[in-house]
Protein backbone atom coordinates (compact mmCIF):
# COMPACT_ATOMS: atom_id res chain seq x y z
CA MET A 1 0.04 -0.40 0.05
CA SER A 2 1.20 3.25 -0.55
CA GLN A 3 0.21 7.27 -0.82
CA PHE A 4 -1.60 6.31 -3.97
CA HIS A 5 -4.28 4.42 -2.05
CA VAL A 6 -4.52 7.09 0.49
CA SER A 7 -5.38 9.75 -2.12
CA GLN A 8 -7.83 7.38 -3.73
CA ILE A 9 -9.49 7.16 -0.30
CA GLU A 10 -9.37 11.31 0.14
CA THR A 11 -11.04 11.36 -3.59
CA TYR A 12 -13.73 8.82 -2.75
CA ILE A 13 -14.78 10.20 0.97
CA ARG A 14 -14.36 13.84 -0.53
CA ASP A 15 -17.00 13.09 -3.35
CA ILE A 16 -19.36 11.53 -0.89
CA HIS A 17 -19.08 13.46 2.16
CA GLU A 18 -17.42 16.97 1.85
CA GLU A 19 -20.47 19.18 0.73
CA ASP A 20 -22.32 18.26 4.09
CA HIS A 21 -19.18 17.94 6.57
CA TRP A 22 -16.47 19.92 5.71
CA ASP A 23 -15.50 22.50 8.29
CA SER A 24 -13.46 25.16 7.19
CA SER A 25 -12.10 26.19 10.36
CA ILE A 26 -9.88 23.40 10.94
CA THR A 27 -7.38 21.98 9.19
CA ASN A 28 -7.37 19.40 6.27
CA VAL A 29 -6.02 16.50 7.86
CA ASN A 30 -8.85 17.10 10.49
CA ASN A 31 -11.18 17.33 8.19
CA LEU A 32 -10.47 14.52 6.40
CA SER A 33 -10.44 12.67 9.67
CA ARG A 34 -13.85 13.66 10.24
CA LEU A 35 -14.89 12.38 6.94
CA LEU A 36 -13.53 9.66 7.69
CA ALA A 37 -15.20 8.72 10.54
CA TYR A 38 -18.45 9.35 9.08
CA TRP A 39 -17.88 6.93 6.52
CA SER A 40 -16.20 4.36 8.97
CA ILE A 41 -19.93 4.58 10.64
CA GLU A 42 -21.60 3.63 6.95
CA LEU A 43 -19.07 0.65 6.32
CA ILE A 44 -20.68 -0.89 9.76
CA LEU A 45 -24.09 0.42 10.12
CA GLY A 46 -25.15 0.64 5.97
CA GLU A 47 -25.99 4.38 4.35
CA ALA A 48 -28.20 6.51 7.07
CA ASP A 49 -32.16 6.05 7.50
CA GLY A 50 -33.08 9.33 8.54
CA ALA A 51 -36.10 7.04 10.51
CA SER A 52 -33.96 4.54 12.45
CA ALA A 53 -30.33 5.94 12.43
CA ILE A 54 -28.33 8.85 14.11
CA VAL A 55 -24.66 9.88 13.09
CA GLU A 56 -23.01 12.37 14.50
CA VAL A 57 -19.35 13.47 14.13
CA THR A 58 -17.89 14.47 17.38
CA ASP A 59 -14.31 15.61 17.46
CA GLY A 60 -13.51 18.61 18.75
CA GLY A 61 -11.47 20.03 22.22
CA GLU A 62 -13.19 17.48 23.83
CA ASP A 63 -14.13 14.47 21.54
CA ARG A 64 -12.45 12.38 24.08
CA GLY A 65 -10.84 10.47 21.04
CA ILE A 66 -14.62 9.30 19.93
CA ASP A 67 -14.64 10.85 16.27
CA ALA A 68 -18.47 9.56 15.68
CA VAL A 69 -21.09 7.96 17.26
CA GLY A 70 -23.73 6.27 15.29
CA VAL A 71 -26.85 4.53 16.38
CA ASN A 72 -29.01 2.23 14.44
CA THR A 73 -32.16 1.57 15.82
CA ALA A 74 -33.70 -1.48 12.95
CA THR A 75 -30.35 -3.28 13.70
CA LYS A 76 -30.21 -2.49 17.91
CA GLU A 77 -26.35 -1.18 16.94
CA VAL A 78 -24.22 2.08 18.64
CA VAL A 79 -20.72 2.59 16.75
CA PHE A 80 -18.14 4.26 18.14
CA VAL A 81 -15.29 5.17 15.91
CA GLN A 82 -11.63 7.01 16.08
CA SER A 83 -10.68 7.86 12.64
CA LYS A 84 -7.03 9.21 12.24
CA TRP A 85 -5.98 10.25 8.91
CA ARG A 86 -2.14 9.65 7.61
CA GLN A 87 -1.43 11.35 4.61
CA ASP A 88 1.84 9.53 3.99
CA GLY A 89 0.07 6.32 4.90
CA THR A 90 2.69 5.15 7.06
CA GLY A 91 2.62 3.72 10.89
CA SER A 92 -0.47 2.80 12.68
CA MET A 93 -2.36 3.91 15.40
CA ALA A 94 -0.70 5.16 18.67
CA LEU A 95 -1.90 3.84 22.08
CA GLY A 96 -2.47 7.14 23.76
CA ASP A 97 -5.01 7.90 21.22
CA VAL A 98 -6.18 4.48 21.62
CA LEU A 99 -6.85 4.70 25.44
CA LYS A 100 -8.43 8.29 24.67
CA PHE A 101 -10.95 6.90 22.92
CA LEU A 102 -11.62 3.99 25.63
CA GLN A 103 -11.73 6.25 28.23
CA GLY A 104 -14.67 8.30 26.04
CA VAL A 105 -16.60 4.77 25.39
CA ARG A 106 -16.55 3.75 29.10
CA ALA A 107 -18.19 7.07 30.03
CA LEU A 108 -20.76 7.20 27.14
CA LEU A 109 -21.69 3.68 28.34
CA GLY A 110 -22.17 4.80 31.91
CA MET A 111 -18.94 3.07 33.33
CA LYS A 112 -16.52 4.44 36.01
CA VAL A 113 -13.98 7.07 34.90
CA GLU A 114 -12.31 9.81 36.20
CA ASP A 115 -12.72 12.34 33.22
CA GLN A 116 -15.56 14.28 32.14
CA PRO A 117 -17.54 12.62 29.57
CA VAL A 118 -17.79 12.62 25.75
CA HIS A 119 -18.39 15.64 24.10
CA ALA A 120 -21.98 14.31 22.25
CA THR A 121 -24.84 16.52 22.15
CA GLU A 122 -27.85 15.80 24.32
CA SER A 123 -30.06 13.49 21.31
CA THR A 124 -26.99 11.35 20.60
CA ARG A 125 -26.37 10.48 24.61
CA ASN A 126 -30.35 9.67 25.10
CA ALA A 127 -30.05 8.32 21.71
CA ILE A 128 -27.35 5.53 23.17
CA GLN A 129 -28.83 5.20 26.42
CA THR A 130 -32.22 4.52 24.92
CA LEU A 131 -30.82 1.51 22.49
CA LEU A 132 -28.88 0.14 25.37
CA LYS A 133 -31.70 -0.46 27.46
CA THR A 134 -32.97 -2.39 24.56
CA PRO A 135 -32.72 -6.27 24.58
CA GLY A 136 -30.22 -7.90 22.20
CA ALA A 137 -28.16 -3.95 21.77
CA ARG A 138 -24.48 -4.68 20.37
CA ILE A 139 -21.73 -2.34 20.77
CA ARG A 140 -19.24 -1.76 17.48
CA LEU A 141 -15.89 -0.13 18.74
CA VAL A 142 -14.51 0.83 15.26
CA THR A 143 -11.12 2.10 14.99
CA ALA A 144 -10.34 3.72 11.31
CA THR A 145 -6.82 4.40 9.92
CA THR A 146 -5.03 5.42 6.44
CA ALA A 147 -2.00 4.18 8.43
CA SER A 148 -0.75 0.84 6.26
CA GLU A 149 0.56 -1.04 9.66
CA SER A 150 -2.22 -3.09 11.88
CA LEU A 151 -2.46 -2.11 15.71
CA SER A 152 0.13 -3.24 17.72
CA ALA A 153 -0.38 -6.12 20.55
CA GLU A 154 0.51 -3.27 22.87
CA VAL A 155 -2.61 -1.17 21.72
CA THR A 156 -4.81 -4.16 21.15
CA GLN A 157 -4.55 -5.26 24.73
CA PRO A 158 -6.68 -2.20 26.18
CA ILE A 159 -9.33 -2.72 23.70
CA THR A 160 -9.52 -6.56 24.07
CA GLU A 161 -9.89 -5.49 28.06
CA LEU A 162 -12.63 -3.69 27.55
CA LEU A 163 -13.82 -5.97 25.31
CA GLU A 164 -13.94 -8.35 28.15
CA SER A 165 -15.29 -6.58 30.47
CA LEU A 166 -18.85 -5.94 28.51
CA ASN A 167 -19.10 -9.11 27.40
CA ASP A 168 -18.50 -10.90 30.61
CA LEU A 169 -22.19 -12.00 31.28
CA PRO A 170 -22.08 -15.81 30.97
CA GLY A 171 -24.59 -17.57 28.69
CA THR A 172 -24.98 -14.75 26.53
CA GLU A 173 -23.83 -14.16 22.93
CA PRO A 174 -21.10 -11.02 23.01
CA MET A 175 -22.66 -7.74 22.84
CA ALA A 176 -19.54 -5.83 21.71
CA SER A 177 -17.00 -6.23 19.47
CA HIS A 178 -14.02 -4.05 17.58
CA LYS A 179 -13.55 -3.72 13.71
CA HIS A 180 -10.41 -2.22 12.98
CA LEU A 181 -10.06 -0.47 9.33
CA GLY A 182 -6.90 -0.37 8.13
CA GLN A 183 -5.75 1.69 4.93
CA SER A 184 -6.25 -1.68 2.88
CA ASP A 185 -9.87 -2.28 4.54
CA LEU A 186 -10.68 1.62 3.53
CA PHE A 187 -9.28 0.76 -0.27
CA ASN A 188 -10.54 -2.65 -0.68
CA ALA A 189 -14.48 -0.89 0.47
CA ILE A 190 -13.92 1.64 -2.61
CA ALA A 191 -12.76 -1.46 -5.15
CA ASP A 192 -15.36 -4.10 -3.80
CA GLY A 193 -18.40 -2.10 -2.71
CA ASP A 194 -21.01 -3.95 -4.25
CA ARG A 195 -23.01 -6.27 -2.23
CA PRO A 196 -22.95 -10.31 -3.37
CA THR A 197 -24.63 -11.34 -6.21
CA VAL A 198 -26.50 -14.34 -5.53
CA ASP A 199 -28.53 -16.10 -8.49
CA LEU A 200 -30.92 -18.81 -7.27
CA GLU A 201 -32.89 -21.30 -8.87
CA LEU A 202 -35.72 -22.96 -7.61
CA GLN A 203 -38.68 -25.39 -7.99
CA ILE A 204 -41.79 -23.95 -6.22
CA LEU A 205 -45.09 -26.43 -5.85
CA ASP A 206 -48.28 -25.43 -6.14
CA TRP A 207 -47.20 -22.01 -7.30
CA GLY A 208 -49.08 -18.85 -7.57
CA LYS A 209 -48.37 -15.34 -9.04
CA ALA A 210 -49.12 -11.98 -8.70
CA ALA A 211 -48.26 -8.90 -11.62
CA GLU A 212 -49.44 -5.81 -10.30
CA PRO A 213 -47.64 -3.30 -8.49
CA GLN A 214 -44.88 -6.01 -8.44
CA LYS A 215 -44.32 -9.20 -10.10
CA MET A 216 -44.59 -11.81 -7.40
CA TYR A 217 -44.30 -15.85 -7.03
CA TYR A 218 -45.22 -17.89 -4.30
CA GLY A 219 -45.47 -21.70 -3.29
CA ARG A 220 -44.03 -24.33 -1.44
CA VAL A 221 -40.28 -25.17 -1.72
CA SER A 222 -38.39 -28.14 -0.15
CA ALA A 223 -36.23 -27.74 2.84
CA ALA A 224 -33.93 -29.38 1.38
CA GLN A 225 -33.51 -26.81 -1.58
CA VAL A 226 -33.40 -24.27 0.90
CA ALA A 227 -30.53 -26.10 3.01
CA ALA A 228 -28.85 -26.28 0.01
CA TRP A 229 -28.96 -22.45 -0.61
CA PHE A 230 -27.16 -21.77 2.41
CA ASP A 231 -24.85 -24.46 1.92
CA GLU A 232 -24.08 -22.90 -1.11
CA HIS A 233 -24.03 -19.23 -0.64
CA GLY A 234 -23.96 -18.79 3.25
CA THR A 235 -24.70 -15.18 4.43
CA ASP A 236 -24.49 -13.75 0.92
CA LEU A 237 -28.13 -14.97 0.82
CA PHE A 238 -29.12 -12.16 3.58
CA ALA A 239 -26.95 -9.22 1.99
CA ASP A 240 -30.58 -7.19 2.42
CA ASN A 241 -31.70 -8.54 5.11
CA ILE A 242 -31.18 -6.02 8.46
CA ARG A 243 -29.85 -8.84 10.43
CA VAL A 244 -28.03 -11.97 9.54
CA VAL A 245 -28.22 -15.19 11.85
CA ILE A 246 -29.08 -15.62 15.52
CA PRO A 247 -27.09 -17.69 17.23
CA ARG A 248 -28.44 -20.30 19.68
CA SER A 249 -31.89 -18.61 19.74
CA ASP A 250 -35.25 -19.84 20.66
CA ILE A 251 -36.26 -19.88 17.18
CA ASN A 252 -33.76 -21.59 15.78
CA ASP A 253 -34.15 -24.24 18.32
CA GLY A 254 -37.59 -24.47 17.25
CA ILE A 255 -37.28 -25.30 13.38
CA LEU A 256 -34.31 -27.72 14.07
CA THR A 257 -36.93 -29.70 16.26
CA THR A 258 -39.97 -29.30 14.15
CA ILE A 259 -37.52 -30.90 11.17
CA GLN A 260 -36.47 -33.38 13.77
CA ASP A 261 -39.98 -34.68 15.03
CA GLU A 262 -42.95 -33.39 12.53
CA PRO A 263 -41.05 -32.54 9.05
CA GLU A 264 -44.45 -33.30 7.67
CA ASN A 265 -46.00 -30.19 9.51
CA PHE A 266 -43.18 -27.55 9.14
CA SER A 267 -44.99 -25.60 6.58
CA TYR A 268 -48.03 -25.47 8.89
CA TYR A 269 -45.61 -24.20 12.05
CA ASN A 270 -43.16 -22.00 10.12
CA ASN A 271 -43.73 -18.28 8.65
CA GLY A 272 -42.00 -18.78 6.03
CA ILE A 273 -39.35 -16.83 3.79
CA THR A 274 -39.22 -13.66 1.53
CA ILE A 275 -36.74 -13.19 -1.05
CA LEU A 276 -36.46 -10.21 -3.06
CA ALA A 277 -34.66 -10.32 -7.08
CA ARG A 278 -33.47 -7.92 -9.52
CA SER A 279 -35.33 -10.31 -12.07
CA ILE A 280 -37.37 -13.52 -11.48
CA ASP A 281 -37.53 -15.68 -14.78
CA LEU A 282 -40.26 -18.79 -15.24
CA ALA A 283 -39.09 -21.57 -17.46
CA LEU A 284 -41.54 -22.01 -20.11
CA GLY A 285 -41.82 -25.18 -19.12
CA GLY A 286 -43.22 -24.69 -15.27
CA ALA A 287 -45.59 -22.41 -16.97
CA LEU A 288 -47.92 -25.03 -18.47
CA SER A 289 -48.98 -26.39 -14.87
CA ARG A 290 -49.51 -24.35 -11.41
CA ASP A 291 -48.30 -28.10 -10.13
CA VAL A 292 -44.38 -27.16 -9.97
CA GLY A 293 -42.87 -24.02 -11.50
CA TYR A 294 -39.08 -24.01 -12.07
CA PHE A 295 -37.77 -20.33 -11.54
CA LYS A 296 -34.52 -18.30 -11.62
CA LEU A 297 -33.80 -15.37 -9.81
CA THR A 298 -30.95 -13.26 -10.19
CA GLY A 299 -29.65 -10.68 -7.44
CA ALA A 300 -31.77 -12.15 -4.81
CA SER A 301 -31.59 -11.76 -1.07
CA VAL A 302 -33.29 -13.15 1.72
CA VAL A 303 -34.79 -10.19 3.52
CA ASN A 304 -37.30 -12.48 5.93
CA GLY A 305 -36.50 -16.16 7.38
CA ALA A 306 -32.78 -16.15 7.87
CA GLN A 307 -33.26 -17.96 10.50
CA THR A 308 -34.83 -20.74 8.92
CA VAL A 309 -32.94 -20.69 5.88
CA SER A 310 -29.42 -20.70 8.40
CA THR A 311 -30.98 -23.37 10.28
CA LEU A 312 -32.08 -26.10 7.77
CA GLY A 313 -28.37 -25.01 6.02
CA SER A 314 -27.21 -26.07 9.80
CA ALA A 315 -29.45 -29.87 9.49
CA LEU A 316 -27.13 -30.53 6.71
CA ASN A 317 -24.51 -33.53 7.57
CA THR A 318 -26.72 -34.35 10.52
CA ASP A 319 -29.27 -36.79 11.92
CA ALA A 320 -31.51 -34.43 10.80
CA GLU A 321 -30.81 -33.95 7.25
CA ALA A 322 -32.44 -37.38 5.97
CA ASN A 323 -36.00 -35.52 7.46
CA LEU A 324 -35.64 -32.28 5.20
CA GLY A 325 -37.41 -33.71 2.32
CA ALA A 326 -40.34 -34.51 4.09
CA ALA A 327 -41.00 -30.77 4.72
CA TYR A 328 -41.69 -27.47 2.92
CA VAL A 329 -41.50 -24.13 2.63
CA ILE A 330 -43.75 -21.07 1.91
CA VAL A 331 -41.48 -18.82 -0.13
CA ARG A 332 -42.64 -15.43 -1.36
CA CYS A 333 -40.11 -14.36 -4.30
CA ILE A 334 -40.95 -10.53 -5.56
CA GLU A 335 -39.09 -8.94 -8.24
CA VAL A 336 -37.55 -5.38 -7.68
CA PRO A 337 -35.27 -3.92 -10.11
CA GLU A 338 -32.45 -1.83 -8.92
CA THR A 339 -34.40 1.30 -10.00
CA GLU A 340 -36.77 0.30 -7.29
CA GLN A 341 -34.34 0.05 -3.88
CA GLY A 342 -36.55 2.61 -2.08
CA LEU A 343 -39.49 -0.20 -2.33
CA ALA A 344 -37.03 -3.11 -1.67
CA GLN A 345 -35.63 -1.25 1.68
CA GLN A 346 -39.73 -0.83 2.25
CA VAL A 347 -40.36 -4.87 1.91
CA THR A 348 -37.38 -4.97 3.77
CA ARG A 349 -38.70 -2.91 6.68
CA PHE A 350 -42.37 -4.22 6.65
CA ALA A 351 -41.35 -7.96 6.48
CA ASN A 352 -39.36 -7.97 9.78
CA THR A 353 -41.56 -5.40 11.93
CA GLN A 354 -45.30 -7.17 11.09
CA ASN A 355 -46.74 -10.27 12.52
CA GLU A 356 -44.28 -11.26 14.85
CA VAL A 357 -45.61 -13.63 17.45
CA SER A 358 -43.71 -13.49 21.05
CA SER A 359 -44.46 -16.16 24.10
CA GLN A 360 -45.96 -13.26 25.58
CA ASP A 361 -49.11 -13.46 22.75
CA PHE A 362 -49.31 -16.80 24.26
CA ALA A 363 -50.68 -15.11 27.71
CA PHE A 364 -53.79 -14.25 25.69
CA LEU A 365 -54.86 -18.13 26.13
CA ASP A 366 -53.92 -17.83 30.26
CA GLU A 367 -57.35 -17.63 32.23
CA GLN A 368 -55.07 -15.98 34.94
CA GLN A 369 -54.95 -13.36 32.38
CA HIS A 370 -58.75 -12.84 31.84
CA ARG A 371 -59.19 -12.90 35.81
CA LEU A 372 -56.83 -10.43 36.23
CA ALA A 373 -58.65 -8.32 33.26
CA ARG A 374 -61.88 -8.53 35.03
CA GLU A 375 -60.80 -7.85 38.49
CA LEU A 376 -58.49 -5.00 37.24
CA GLN A 377 -62.13 -3.54 35.83
CA VAL A 378 -63.42 -3.66 38.84
CA LEU A 379 -60.50 -1.23 40.13
CA GLY A 380 -61.14 1.21 37.19
CA PHE A 381 -58.21 -0.04 35.34
CA GLU A 382 -58.40 -1.16 31.92
CA TYR A 383 -55.91 -4.17 31.43
CA ILE A 384 -54.22 -4.73 27.68
CA VAL A 385 -53.30 -8.74 27.69
CA ARG A 386 -52.76 -9.23 23.62
CA SER A 387 -49.55 -6.63 22.66
CA ALA A 388 -51.60 -5.14 19.50
CA GLU A 389 -54.65 -4.25 21.41
CA VAL A 390 -55.67 -0.66 21.29
CA PRO A 391 -56.65 1.09 24.79
CA ARG A 392 -60.30 2.16 24.38
CA SER A 393 -59.95 4.50 27.96
CA ASN A 394 -58.07 7.99 27.00
CA ASP A 395 -56.81 7.81 30.14
CA ARG A 396 -53.16 6.14 30.36
CA SER A 397 -52.88 6.05 33.46
CA LYS A 398 -55.73 3.84 34.07
CA VAL A 399 -54.59 1.75 31.42
CA ILE A 400 -52.13 -1.44 32.13
CA GLU A 401 -50.33 -3.40 29.57
CA ILE A 402 -49.31 -7.11 30.47
CA ARG A 403 -45.73 -6.22 30.18
CA ASP A 404 -45.37 -3.74 32.62
CA ALA A 405 -47.71 -5.91 34.88
CA ALA A 406 -45.13 -8.78 34.43
CA VAL A 407 -42.17 -6.42 34.87
CA ALA A 408 -43.98 -4.95 37.79
CA LEU A 409 -44.47 -8.07 39.79
CA ALA A 410 -40.86 -9.50 39.00
CA CYS A 411 -39.74 -6.31 40.68
CA ALA A 412 -42.22 -7.05 43.67
CA HIS A 413 -41.53 -10.64 44.08
CA PRO A 414 -39.34 -11.33 47.19
CA LYS A 415 -36.94 -13.15 45.30
CA LEU A 416 -34.31 -10.56 43.55
CA SER A 417 -33.81 -13.11 40.40
CA TYR A 418 -36.79 -12.78 39.31
CA ALA A 419 -35.95 -8.70 39.20
CA ILE A 420 -32.85 -9.41 37.48
CA ILE A 421 -34.78 -11.60 34.67
CA ALA A 422 -37.04 -8.20 34.12
CA LYS A 423 -33.74 -6.19 33.72
CA ARG A 424 -32.11 -9.13 31.96
CA GLU A 425 -35.03 -10.68 29.32
CA VAL A 426 -38.31 -9.55 29.81
CA SER A 427 -39.22 -12.23 27.77
CA ARG A 428 -38.19 -15.02 29.79
CA LEU A 429 -41.28 -13.93 32.25
CA PHE A 430 -43.42 -15.34 29.92
CA SER A 431 -41.30 -18.35 27.82
CA GLU A 432 -40.26 -19.71 31.02
CA GLY A 433 -43.30 -21.44 32.81
CA PRO A 434 -41.98 -21.88 36.67
CA VAL A 435 -41.43 -17.71 36.42
CA TYR A 436 -44.28 -17.33 34.78
CA SER A 437 -46.27 -18.94 37.20
CA ALA A 438 -44.50 -17.22 39.94
CA LEU A 439 -46.01 -13.88 39.23
CA PHE A 440 -49.54 -14.89 37.14
CA ASN A 441 -51.60 -17.49 39.29
CA PRO A 442 -54.53 -17.63 41.39
CA SER A 443 -52.86 -15.68 44.02
CA THR A 444 -51.91 -13.02 42.29
CA ASP A 445 -53.74 -9.94 43.53
CA PRO A 446 -55.06 -7.33 40.91
CA LEU A 447 -54.63 -4.40 43.83
CA VAL A 448 -50.61 -5.65 44.21
CA LEU A 449 -50.18 -5.49 40.59
CA SER A 450 -51.97 -2.12 39.90
CA ARG A 451 -49.86 -0.66 42.62
CA ALA A 452 -46.51 -2.46 41.81
CA VAL A 453 -47.06 -1.13 38.36
CA ALA A 454 -47.63 2.39 39.41
CA ILE A 455 -44.39 1.75 42.09
CA THR A 456 -42.32 0.78 39.14
CA ALA A 457 -43.38 3.45 36.73
CA GLU A 458 -42.23 5.80 38.96
CA VAL A 459 -39.29 4.51 39.54
CA ASP A 460 -38.60 4.57 35.79
CA ARG A 461 -39.96 8.61 35.84
CA VAL A 462 -37.45 9.78 38.05
CA LEU A 463 -34.63 7.66 37.44
CA ASP A 464 -35.10 9.06 33.96
CA SER A 465 -35.17 12.77 34.95
CA MET A 466 -31.76 11.78 37.13
CA GLN A 467 -30.43 10.06 34.41
CA SER A 468 -30.58 13.24 31.64
CA ASP A 469 -28.64 15.48 34.89
CA ALA A 470 -25.90 12.88 35.01
CA GLU A 471 -23.01 11.64 33.48
CA GLY A 472 -20.68 8.71 33.84
CA VAL A 473 -21.53 6.07 35.89
CA GLU A 474 -24.25 7.72 37.56
CA ALA A 475 -26.06 7.78 33.92
CA GLY A 476 -25.05 4.07 33.70
CA VAL A 477 -26.57 2.95 36.98
CA ALA A 478 -29.40 5.15 36.62
CA VAL A 479 -30.64 3.62 33.26
CA HIS A 480 -29.86 -0.04 34.16
CA ALA A 481 -30.29 -0.28 37.92
CA ARG A 482 -33.89 0.71 37.89
CA ARG A 483 -35.07 -2.59 38.07
CA VAL A 484 -32.99 -3.24 41.41
CA ILE A 485 -34.42 -0.25 42.68
CA ALA A 486 -37.79 -0.76 42.31
CA HIS A 487 -37.53 -4.11 43.76
CA ILE A 488 -35.74 -2.49 46.60
CA VAL A 489 -38.51 0.21 46.82
CA MET A 490 -41.25 -2.56 47.19
CA ARG A 491 -39.39 -5.05 49.32
CA GLY A 492 -39.18 -1.95 51.82
CA ILE A 493 -43.29 -1.00 51.15
CA GLY A 494 -43.68 -4.99 51.80
CA THR A 495 -46.55 -7.22 49.56
CA LYS A 496 -49.12 -7.36 52.75
CA ALA A 497 -49.03 -3.11 52.93
CA LEU A 498 -49.59 -3.20 49.31
CA ALA A 499 -52.22 -5.47 49.35
CA ASP A 500 -53.92 -3.54 51.94
CA PRO A 501 -56.17 -1.21 50.37
CA ALA A 502 -56.07 1.37 53.59
CA THR A 503 -52.52 1.96 51.86
CA GLU A 504 -52.53 5.26 50.66
CA LEU A 505 -50.36 4.85 47.77
CA SER A 506 -49.92 8.59 46.42
CA THR A 507 -48.11 8.48 50.30
CA ILE A 508 -45.74 5.64 48.48
CA ILE A 509 -45.14 7.40 45.24
CA ASP A 510 -44.35 10.71 46.90
CA GLY A 511 -41.69 9.32 48.53
CA ILE A 512 -40.09 7.21 45.79
CA ALA A 513 -37.75 10.57 44.22
CA GLU A 514 -35.99 10.73 47.67
CA THR A 515 -35.78 7.06 48.37
CA ALA A 516 -34.25 6.01 44.56
CA GLU A 517 -31.70 9.27 44.99
CA LEU A 518 -30.26 7.53 48.25
CA LEU A 519 -30.30 4.05 46.77
CA LEU A 520 -28.85 5.35 43.40
CA ALA A 521 -25.61 7.37 44.67
CA ALA A 522 -25.48 4.37 47.28
CA LEU A 523 -24.75 1.92 44.65
CA VAL A 524 -22.70 4.61 42.92
CA VAL A 525 -20.48 4.89 45.71
CA VAL A 526 -19.74 1.11 45.29
CA PHE A 527 -20.06 0.70 41.48
CA PRO A 528 -16.89 -1.09 40.28
CA ALA A 529 -13.92 0.29 37.94
CA ASN A 530 -14.38 -1.05 34.76
CA ALA A 531 -17.65 -2.66 34.92
CA TYR A 532 -19.89 -2.34 32.58
CA PRO A 533 -23.51 -1.05 33.98
CA GLY A 534 -25.72 -2.93 31.78
CA ASN A 535 -24.18 -6.63 32.67
CA VAL A 536 -23.65 -5.76 36.09
CA PHE A 537 -27.16 -5.42 36.67
CA LYS A 538 -28.25 -8.79 34.33
CA ASN A 539 -25.90 -10.97 37.25
CA GLN A 540 -27.63 -11.27 40.25
CA ALA A 541 -24.42 -12.15 42.39
CA ARG A 542 -22.54 -9.30 41.37
CA VAL A 543 -26.19 -7.39 42.17
CA GLN A 544 -26.31 -8.99 45.59
CA GLU A 545 -22.47 -7.94 46.16
CA LEU A 546 -23.52 -4.47 45.39
CA LEU A 547 -26.40 -4.41 47.57
CA GLN A 548 -24.02 -6.40 50.29
CA ALA A 549 -21.58 -3.49 49.80
CA SER A 550 -23.70 -0.62 49.67
CA GLN A 551 -25.82 -1.85 52.53
CA GLU A 552 -24.59 0.10 55.63
CA MET A 553 -24.13 3.52 53.41
CA ILE A 554 -28.40 2.88 52.46
CA GLY A 555 -29.02 2.11 56.22
CA GLN A 556 -27.01 5.21 57.98
CA LYS A 557 -28.53 7.47 54.54
CA MET A 558 -32.23 6.12 55.61
CA GLU A 559 -31.59 6.19 59.23
CA ALA A 560 -30.38 10.30 58.98
CA ARG A 561 -33.22 11.13 56.77
CA SER A 562 -35.56 9.67 59.44
CA SER A 563 -34.31 11.93 62.44
CA SER A 564 -34.62 14.68 60.00
CA THR A 565 -38.33 13.88 58.98
CA SER A 566 -39.01 13.34 62.92
């Protein structure tokens, strides 16, 4: 690699971003570093979609080493970039610069650091914190430079250490990763910018078609044929999908179980797949009968059903492979020419956001939910059991949704473990039988439920307010400790008091702000350095250590508060 390649990279990024992101008040090198940071976000997240993405260049006197931040709510990713422009193309990134970058990342993630947090706008900081509350969120660290040498072991080590602290939650997929974009990577991104091209030939049984407004063919395809696609093309099949493959998910396990146990029922149980193609051709022989059609898809991409395709592919060379021939998948093939990429993006978006059935939806089949709905109605509340149901009441304070009820009951439960589950993965409150029945059973009191919901909501409101005014670890704990804090608050009140109609809820609500502030302050003091709050408060053992360490301080503050009010 040489200065020639650097000049090619410069020409490219100037062409795509100079008009919108060049700052005439700073030097050319600093400007090129800014453009490189912005382009790096695009290389990781794809081009920014205003509906789901925020991209901010954050360099400046207080940038803390972070040159750009990207947040994509559709893919649940936040990307932090440090960029260094080397006009001569030599060298690599310095340890001091990377350490500064990692400190800035820690600050934005709410980890304990000594200095001031990154110089980013409030809207970006809020977007990051909101995303990090979302299950399945991912953190991407990116170092980008036109220097030709790779990162040294000395520079890589602190990056690895931060990743280990972010990925230290046992039994989960890694939430954080690092990508280094060096001179060769950047040049290759320009030279090889087109997405992988996949052409598929498939046989569709009992096929049908629609001609307007887009050409579409649909029908049944052998699971063995689908598995062969994945075996041949791998993840190139999903070039336009918003996600590729989710490892070890319940969905994947269910797909494989059906192939193993009930292959003949696969098409009834599975939602099928959607394929977009630049062109679709039907062989002449196949047009004579709707029993079997032979199709060629040029420029094909599976935009919905990646889990189905990849899991069927994983069945090859296993005991389940013999059953693939007896299983069929419902397939939709839609022709979207290159001139209509806006439509392709819309199909991809809506194919992945509509008609999702979660474990929560099956709670509608539980008689206890209908009992609670009747009894809550007597108390003046409308209980929403189905996720898509629209409340009839205009007073949102009188509407309780089942998801909020589950979280509140988990926080109110005497066992801390349920509050941890509510933080770690809300869907487990519905999908795990013993957990669900511990929350929703014949003894579940509608009055306790309604009050728990109100208290949990007030804790959230108070901590949201505190978070907006906080920085660093205080902001991180305010975001991630709220289920634990709600649990402590309600254990302090006691189930007996919550179930007593004589207990004044308004008095309890009035005291939550002071209690939450006290608990937050105590947890911040004892919070370990170099630990990510999002992981700590998903780990019961670590939470118990924190509570034990802060117990004496909390007791002293509570005693002082009681003395001042008496």
